[in-house]
Structures are given as C-alpha cells and as structure tokens.
Amino acid sequence: MPEPLLPLPPALDQLLVIRRWLELTLARVDERIGAVRAAEEQRARRPPPEPPRWWI
C-alpha cells in the first residue's frame, strides 16, 4: 500500500474521531452542493431580462 499523504494515528479512538469529522465535513459539502444546484436551477428558470427600450 502506498504511503498516505498525511500520516494517520495508530490509535483506534483517534481514527474514529477523524472518520466522524470527515463524515460531518462531507455532509456539509453535500448540503452546499445541493444549495448551489438549486440556485442554478432557479436562475436557469428565470426569464431573460427585457432589452432596453432605448439606445444611445
């Protein structure tokens, strides 16, 4: 197995804490992805702005 980028601790309790932190972080990223996708879909549904009625 290749050497990891960051060394991991050998203790099980420390590894479990790191795993939980990663799960929580991934959940936050997934929530943000959903929010951004929803905003993009809403923006795509909006009608384009009307062109100006006058020209310079």
N, C-alpha and C. Protein backbone atom coordinates (compact mmCIF):
# COMPACT_ATOMS: atom_id res chain seq x y z
N MET A 1 0.85 -1.18 0.00
CA MET A 1 0.00 0.00 0.00
C MET A 1 0.89 1.24 0.00
N PRO A 2 0.59 2.25 -0.86
CA PRO A 2 1.41 3.45 -0.90
C PRO A 2 1.28 4.26 0.38
N GLU A 3 2.31 5.02 0.66
CA GLU A 3 2.32 5.85 1.86
C GLU A 3 1.29 6.98 1.72
N PRO A 4 0.42 7.20 2.72
CA PRO A 4 -0.59 8.26 2.62
C PRO A 4 0.07 9.64 2.65
N LEU A 5 -0.67 10.63 2.17
CA LEU A 5 -0.14 12.00 2.17
C LEU A 5 0.08 12.50 3.60
N LEU A 6 -0.88 12.21 4.45
CA LEU A 6 -0.76 12.60 5.86
C LEU A 6 -0.70 11.34 6.71
N PRO A 7 0.22 11.28 7.63
CA PRO A 7 0.27 10.09 8.48
C PRO A 7 -0.96 10.03 9.39
N LEU A 8 -1.48 8.84 9.56
CA LEU A 8 -2.65 8.65 10.42
C LEU A 8 -2.20 8.08 11.76
N PRO A 9 -2.90 8.45 12.82
CA PRO A 9 -2.52 7.94 14.13
C PRO A 9 -2.81 6.44 14.23
N PRO A 10 -2.07 5.74 15.07
CA PRO A 10 -2.28 4.30 15.21
C PRO A 10 -3.43 3.92 16.15
N ALA A 11 -3.91 4.86 16.96
CA ALA A 11 -4.92 4.57 17.97
C ALA A 11 -6.31 4.54 17.34
N LEU A 12 -7.09 3.51 17.69
CA LEU A 12 -8.43 3.34 17.15
C LEU A 12 -9.35 4.51 17.48
N ASP A 13 -9.31 4.99 18.72
CA ASP A 13 -10.20 6.09 19.09
C ASP A 13 -9.89 7.36 18.29
N GLN A 14 -8.64 7.62 18.03
CA GLN A 14 -8.28 8.78 17.22
C GLN A 14 -8.76 8.60 15.78
N LEU A 15 -8.62 7.42 15.24
CA LEU A 15 -9.07 7.15 13.88
C LEU A 15 -10.58 7.30 13.77
N LEU A 16 -11.31 6.88 14.78
CA LEU A 16 -12.76 7.01 14.77
C LEU A 16 -13.19 8.48 14.82
N VAL A 17 -12.47 9.30 15.58
CA VAL A 17 -12.76 10.72 15.64
C VAL A 17 -12.51 11.36 14.28
N ILE A 18 -11.41 11.01 13.63
CA ILE A 18 -11.10 11.54 12.30
C ILE A 18 -12.18 11.11 11.31
N ARG A 19 -12.60 9.86 11.39
CA ARG A 19 -13.65 9.37 10.48
C ARG A 19 -14.94 10.16 10.67
N ARG A 20 -15.32 10.40 11.90
CA ARG A 20 -16.56 11.14 12.18
C ARG A 20 -16.45 12.57 11.67
N TRP A 21 -15.29 13.21 11.87
CA TRP A 21 -15.09 14.56 11.39
C TRP A 21 -15.24 14.59 9.86
N LEU A 22 -14.67 13.60 9.18
CA LEU A 22 -14.77 13.54 7.73
C LEU A 22 -16.22 13.33 7.29
N GLU A 23 -16.98 12.51 8.01
CA GLU A 23 -18.40 12.31 7.69
C GLU A 23 -19.17 13.62 7.81
N LEU A 24 -18.92 14.36 8.89
CA LEU A 24 -19.62 15.64 9.10
C LEU A 24 -19.24 16.66 8.03
N THR A 25 -17.96 16.68 7.69
CA THR A 25 -17.50 17.61 6.66
C THR A 25 -18.10 17.26 5.31
N LEU A 26 -18.15 15.98 4.98
CA LEU A 26 -18.75 15.55 3.72
C LEU A 26 -20.24 15.91 3.68
N ALA A 27 -20.93 15.78 4.79
CA ALA A 27 -22.35 16.14 4.84
C ALA A 27 -22.52 17.64 4.58
N ARG A 28 -21.64 18.47 5.13
CA ARG A 28 -21.72 19.91 4.87
C ARG A 28 -21.47 20.22 3.40
N VAL A 29 -20.51 19.54 2.81
CA VAL A 29 -20.22 19.76 1.39
C VAL A 29 -21.41 19.33 0.54
N ASP A 30 -22.01 18.18 0.87
CA ASP A 30 -23.19 17.72 0.13
C ASP A 30 -24.34 18.71 0.23
N GLU A 31 -24.55 19.30 1.41
CA GLU A 31 -25.61 20.30 1.59
C GLU A 31 -25.33 21.52 0.72
N ARG A 32 -24.08 21.96 0.69
CA ARG A 32 -23.73 23.13 -0.11
C ARG A 32 -23.90 22.85 -1.59
N ILE A 33 -23.53 21.65 -2.03
CA ILE A 33 -23.72 21.26 -3.43
C ILE A 33 -25.20 21.33 -3.79
N GLY A 34 -26.06 20.82 -2.92
CA GLY A 34 -27.50 20.86 -3.16
C GLY A 34 -28.01 22.29 -3.25
N ALA A 35 -27.53 23.15 -2.38
CA ALA A 35 -27.97 24.54 -2.40
C ALA A 35 -27.52 25.25 -3.67
N VAL A 36 -26.30 25.00 -4.09
CA VAL A 36 -25.79 25.64 -5.30
C VAL A 36 -26.55 25.13 -6.53
N ARG A 37 -26.80 23.84 -6.58
CA ARG A 37 -27.56 23.28 -7.70
C ARG A 37 -28.97 23.87 -7.76
N ALA A 38 -29.61 24.00 -6.60
CA ALA A 38 -30.96 24.57 -6.56
C ALA A 38 -30.94 26.02 -7.03
N ALA A 39 -29.94 26.78 -6.61
CA ALA A 39 -29.83 28.18 -7.04
C ALA A 39 -29.60 28.27 -8.54
N GLU A 40 -28.77 27.39 -9.08
CA GLU A 40 -28.52 27.40 -10.52
C GLU A 40 -29.78 27.03 -11.30
N GLU A 41 -30.53 26.06 -10.82
CA GLU A 41 -31.78 25.69 -11.48
C GLU A 41 -32.78 26.84 -11.44
N GLN A 42 -32.86 27.52 -10.31
CA GLN A 42 -33.77 28.66 -10.19
C GLN A 42 -33.35 29.77 -11.14
N ARG A 43 -32.06 30.02 -11.23
CA ARG A 43 -31.55 31.06 -12.13
C ARG A 43 -31.83 30.70 -13.58
N ALA A 44 -31.74 29.42 -13.93
CA ALA A 44 -31.97 28.99 -15.31
C ALA A 44 -33.46 29.13 -15.69
N ARG A 45 -34.35 29.03 -14.72
CA ARG A 45 -35.80 29.12 -15.00
C ARG A 45 -36.26 30.56 -15.17
N ARG A 46 -35.50 31.51 -14.66
CA ARG A 46 -35.88 32.91 -14.75
C ARG A 46 -35.88 33.37 -16.20
N PRO A 47 -36.88 34.14 -16.57
CA PRO A 47 -36.87 34.66 -17.95
C PRO A 47 -35.72 35.67 -18.11
N PRO A 48 -35.18 35.79 -19.30
CA PRO A 48 -34.10 36.76 -19.50
C PRO A 48 -34.64 38.18 -19.35
N PRO A 49 -33.79 39.11 -18.96
CA PRO A 49 -34.28 40.49 -18.79
C PRO A 49 -34.67 41.07 -20.15
N GLU A 50 -35.63 41.99 -20.10
CA GLU A 50 -36.07 42.64 -21.32
C GLU A 50 -34.96 43.54 -21.84
N PRO A 51 -34.83 43.64 -23.16
CA PRO A 51 -33.82 44.56 -23.68
C PRO A 51 -34.24 46.00 -23.40
N PRO A 52 -33.29 46.89 -23.35
CA PRO A 52 -33.65 48.29 -23.08
C PRO A 52 -34.52 48.85 -24.20
N ARG A 53 -35.38 49.80 -23.85
CA ARG A 53 -36.29 50.38 -24.83
C ARG A 53 -35.64 51.54 -25.59
N TRP A 54 -34.45 51.87 -25.23
CA TRP A 54 -33.79 52.98 -25.91
C TRP A 54 -32.34 52.59 -26.19
N TRP A 55 -31.75 53.27 -27.12
CA TRP A 55 -30.35 53.05 -27.49
C TRP A 55 -29.63 54.39 -27.50
N ILE A 56 -28.40 54.37 -27.19
CA ILE A 56 -27.59 55.60 -27.23
C ILE A 56 -26.80 55.61 -28.51
